[in-house]
Amino acid sequence: MKKVLFVLGGIFVVVGVIRQWPLAGKTYMEFIEGKGYLTLMLGLIMIVLGFSVPLLVGDGEEDS
């Protein structure tokens, strides 16, 4: 699950950056209103979820 989220998140980030290109020279509002903004944010959220999957699922080692 973790690898799937990382791979899909990476794909979404790359697609979002490509759709937003060029990044330099845009104002904040132009960046947010751009075509790739939601894709980019979705990719970043998926990557963060990939990091937190072990915490959410409880795969961590427990001392007992």
N, C-alpha and C. Protein backbone atom coordinates (compact mmCIF):
# COMPACT_ATOMS: atom_id res chain seq x y z
N MET A 1 0.83 -1.20 0.00
CA MET A 1 0.00 0.00 0.00
C MET A 1 0.87 1.26 0.00
N LYS A 2 1.95 1.20 0.78
CA LYS A 2 2.84 2.35 0.89
C LYS A 2 3.49 2.67 -0.46
N LYS A 3 3.98 1.63 -1.13
CA LYS A 3 4.63 1.83 -2.43
C LYS A 3 3.65 2.32 -3.48
N VAL A 4 2.43 1.82 -3.42
CA VAL A 4 1.40 2.25 -4.38
C VAL A 4 1.12 3.74 -4.21
N LEU A 5 1.00 4.19 -2.97
CA LEU A 5 0.74 5.61 -2.72
C LEU A 5 1.92 6.47 -3.17
N PHE A 6 3.15 6.00 -2.93
CA PHE A 6 4.32 6.76 -3.38
C PHE A 6 4.37 6.87 -4.90
N VAL A 7 4.13 5.75 -5.58
CA VAL A 7 4.20 5.75 -7.04
C VAL A 7 3.09 6.62 -7.64
N LEU A 8 1.86 6.42 -7.18
CA LEU A 8 0.76 7.24 -7.70
C LEU A 8 0.95 8.71 -7.35
N GLY A 9 1.40 8.98 -6.13
CA GLY A 9 1.66 10.36 -5.74
C GLY A 9 2.73 11.00 -6.60
N GLY A 10 3.79 10.26 -6.88
CA GLY A 10 4.85 10.77 -7.74
C GLY A 10 4.36 11.06 -9.14
N ILE A 11 3.52 10.17 -9.66
CA ILE A 11 2.96 10.38 -11.00
C ILE A 11 2.09 11.64 -11.02
N PHE A 12 1.25 11.79 -10.00
CA PHE A 12 0.38 12.97 -9.94
C PHE A 12 1.19 14.26 -9.81
N VAL A 13 2.27 14.22 -9.02
CA VAL A 13 3.11 15.42 -8.86
C VAL A 13 3.76 15.78 -10.19
N VAL A 14 4.29 14.79 -10.89
CA VAL A 14 4.94 15.06 -12.18
C VAL A 14 3.93 15.62 -13.18
N VAL A 15 2.75 15.02 -13.25
CA VAL A 15 1.72 15.52 -14.17
C VAL A 15 1.29 16.94 -13.78
N GLY A 16 1.16 17.19 -12.48
CA GLY A 16 0.78 18.53 -12.03
C GLY A 16 1.81 19.58 -12.38
N VAL A 17 3.09 19.24 -12.22
CA VAL A 17 4.16 20.19 -12.56
C VAL A 17 4.19 20.42 -14.07
N ILE A 18 4.01 19.37 -14.85
CA ILE A 18 4.00 19.52 -16.31
C ILE A 18 2.85 20.42 -16.74
N ARG A 19 1.68 20.24 -16.15
CA ARG A 19 0.52 21.06 -16.53
C ARG A 19 0.66 22.50 -16.06
N GLN A 20 1.43 22.73 -14.99
CA GLN A 20 1.62 24.09 -14.47
C GLN A 20 2.78 24.81 -15.15
N TRP A 21 3.57 24.12 -15.95
CA TRP A 21 4.81 24.68 -16.48
C TRP A 21 4.54 25.92 -17.30
N PRO A 22 5.29 26.97 -17.25
CA PRO A 22 6.45 27.22 -16.40
C PRO A 22 6.03 27.70 -15.02
N LEU A 23 6.72 27.23 -14.01
CA LEU A 23 6.39 27.59 -12.63
C LEU A 23 6.88 28.99 -12.29
N ALA A 24 8.05 29.36 -12.80
CA ALA A 24 8.63 30.66 -12.49
C ALA A 24 7.84 31.77 -13.18
N GLY A 25 7.72 32.88 -12.51
CA GLY A 25 7.07 34.03 -13.09
C GLY A 25 5.57 34.09 -12.88
N LYS A 26 5.01 33.12 -12.17
CA LYS A 26 3.57 33.14 -11.91
C LYS A 26 3.32 33.75 -10.53
N THR A 27 2.22 34.49 -10.44
CA THR A 27 1.82 34.96 -9.13
C THR A 27 1.15 33.81 -8.39
N TYR A 28 0.90 34.02 -7.11
CA TYR A 28 0.27 32.98 -6.30
C TYR A 28 -1.10 32.60 -6.85
N MET A 29 -1.89 33.60 -7.22
CA MET A 29 -3.23 33.32 -7.75
C MET A 29 -3.18 32.62 -9.10
N GLU A 30 -2.23 32.98 -9.95
CA GLU A 30 -2.08 32.29 -11.23
C GLU A 30 -1.70 30.83 -11.01
N PHE A 31 -0.87 30.59 -10.00
CA PHE A 31 -0.46 29.22 -9.69
C PHE A 31 -1.64 28.40 -9.20
N ILE A 32 -2.43 28.96 -8.29
CA ILE A 32 -3.58 28.24 -7.74
C ILE A 32 -4.65 28.01 -8.81
N GLU A 33 -4.86 28.97 -9.68
CA GLU A 33 -5.88 28.84 -10.72
C GLU A 33 -5.40 28.06 -11.93
N GLY A 34 -4.15 27.63 -11.93
CA GLY A 34 -3.59 26.89 -13.07
C GLY A 34 -4.21 25.51 -13.21
N LYS A 35 -3.98 24.90 -14.37
CA LYS A 35 -4.60 23.62 -14.68
C LYS A 35 -4.08 22.47 -13.83
N GLY A 36 -2.81 22.52 -13.42
CA GLY A 36 -2.24 21.38 -12.72
C GLY A 36 -2.22 21.48 -11.21
N TYR A 37 -2.84 22.50 -10.65
CA TYR A 37 -2.76 22.72 -9.20
C TYR A 37 -3.38 21.59 -8.41
N LEU A 38 -4.60 21.19 -8.75
CA LEU A 38 -5.27 20.13 -8.00
C LEU A 38 -4.54 18.80 -8.14
N THR A 39 -4.03 18.52 -9.33
CA THR A 39 -3.27 17.30 -9.55
C THR A 39 -2.01 17.30 -8.70
N LEU A 40 -1.33 18.43 -8.66
CA LEU A 40 -0.12 18.56 -7.87
C LEU A 40 -0.42 18.37 -6.39
N MET A 41 -1.46 18.99 -5.89
CA MET A 41 -1.82 18.85 -4.47
C MET A 41 -2.25 17.43 -4.14
N LEU A 42 -2.99 16.78 -5.03
CA LEU A 42 -3.39 15.40 -4.81
C LEU A 42 -2.17 14.50 -4.72
N GLY A 43 -1.19 14.72 -5.58
CA GLY A 43 0.04 13.94 -5.54
C GLY A 43 0.79 14.13 -4.24
N LEU A 44 0.89 15.36 -3.78
CA LEU A 44 1.58 15.62 -2.51
C LEU A 44 0.85 14.99 -1.34
N ILE A 45 -0.47 15.04 -1.35
CA ILE A 45 -1.26 14.40 -0.28
C ILE A 45 -1.05 12.90 -0.30
N MET A 46 -1.01 12.29 -1.49
CA MET A 46 -0.80 10.85 -1.58
C MET A 46 0.58 10.46 -1.07
N ILE A 47 1.60 11.27 -1.33
CA ILE A 47 2.94 10.99 -0.83
C ILE A 47 2.97 11.07 0.69
N VAL A 48 2.32 12.08 1.25
CA VAL A 48 2.26 12.20 2.72
C VAL A 48 1.51 11.01 3.31
N LEU A 49 0.43 10.59 2.67
CA LEU A 49 -0.29 9.40 3.15
C LEU A 49 0.59 8.16 3.05
N GLY A 50 1.44 8.09 2.04
CA GLY A 50 2.36 6.97 1.92
C GLY A 50 3.30 6.89 3.11
N PHE A 51 3.73 8.05 3.61
CA PHE A 51 4.58 8.07 4.80
C PHE A 51 3.81 7.66 6.05
N SER A 52 2.52 8.01 6.12
CA SER A 52 1.76 7.77 7.34
C SER A 52 0.97 6.47 7.34
N VAL A 53 1.00 5.70 6.26
CA VAL A 53 0.27 4.43 6.22
C VAL A 53 0.68 3.50 7.36
N PRO A 54 1.98 3.32 7.65
CA PRO A 54 2.32 2.44 8.78
C PRO A 54 1.72 2.91 10.10
N LEU A 55 1.60 4.21 10.28
CA LEU A 55 1.00 4.73 11.51
C LEU A 55 -0.51 4.49 11.54
N LEU A 56 -1.15 4.67 10.39
CA LEU A 56 -2.60 4.50 10.33
C LEU A 56 -3.01 3.03 10.42
N VAL A 57 -2.24 2.16 9.80
CA VAL A 57 -2.58 0.74 9.78
C VAL A 57 -2.12 0.05 11.05
N GLY A 58 -1.07 0.58 11.67
CA GLY A 58 -0.55 -0.03 12.89
C GLY A 58 0.49 -1.09 12.63
N ASP A 59 1.30 -0.91 11.58
CA ASP A 59 2.34 -1.87 11.26
C ASP A 59 3.60 -1.68 12.09
N GLY A 60 3.63 -0.69 12.94
CA GLY A 60 4.81 -0.44 13.75
C GLY A 60 5.06 -1.55 14.76
N GLU A 61 6.33 -1.69 15.14
CA GLU A 61 6.66 -2.70 16.14
C GLU A 61 6.16 -2.24 17.51
N GLU A 62 5.53 -3.15 18.21
CA GLU A 62 5.02 -2.83 19.54
C GLU A 62 5.85 -3.57 20.58
N ASP A 63 6.24 -2.87 21.62
CA ASP A 63 6.97 -3.51 22.71
C ASP A 63 5.97 -4.13 23.67
N SER A 64 6.07 -5.45 23.86
CA SER A 64 5.15 -6.09 24.79
C SER A 64 5.87 -7.05 25.69
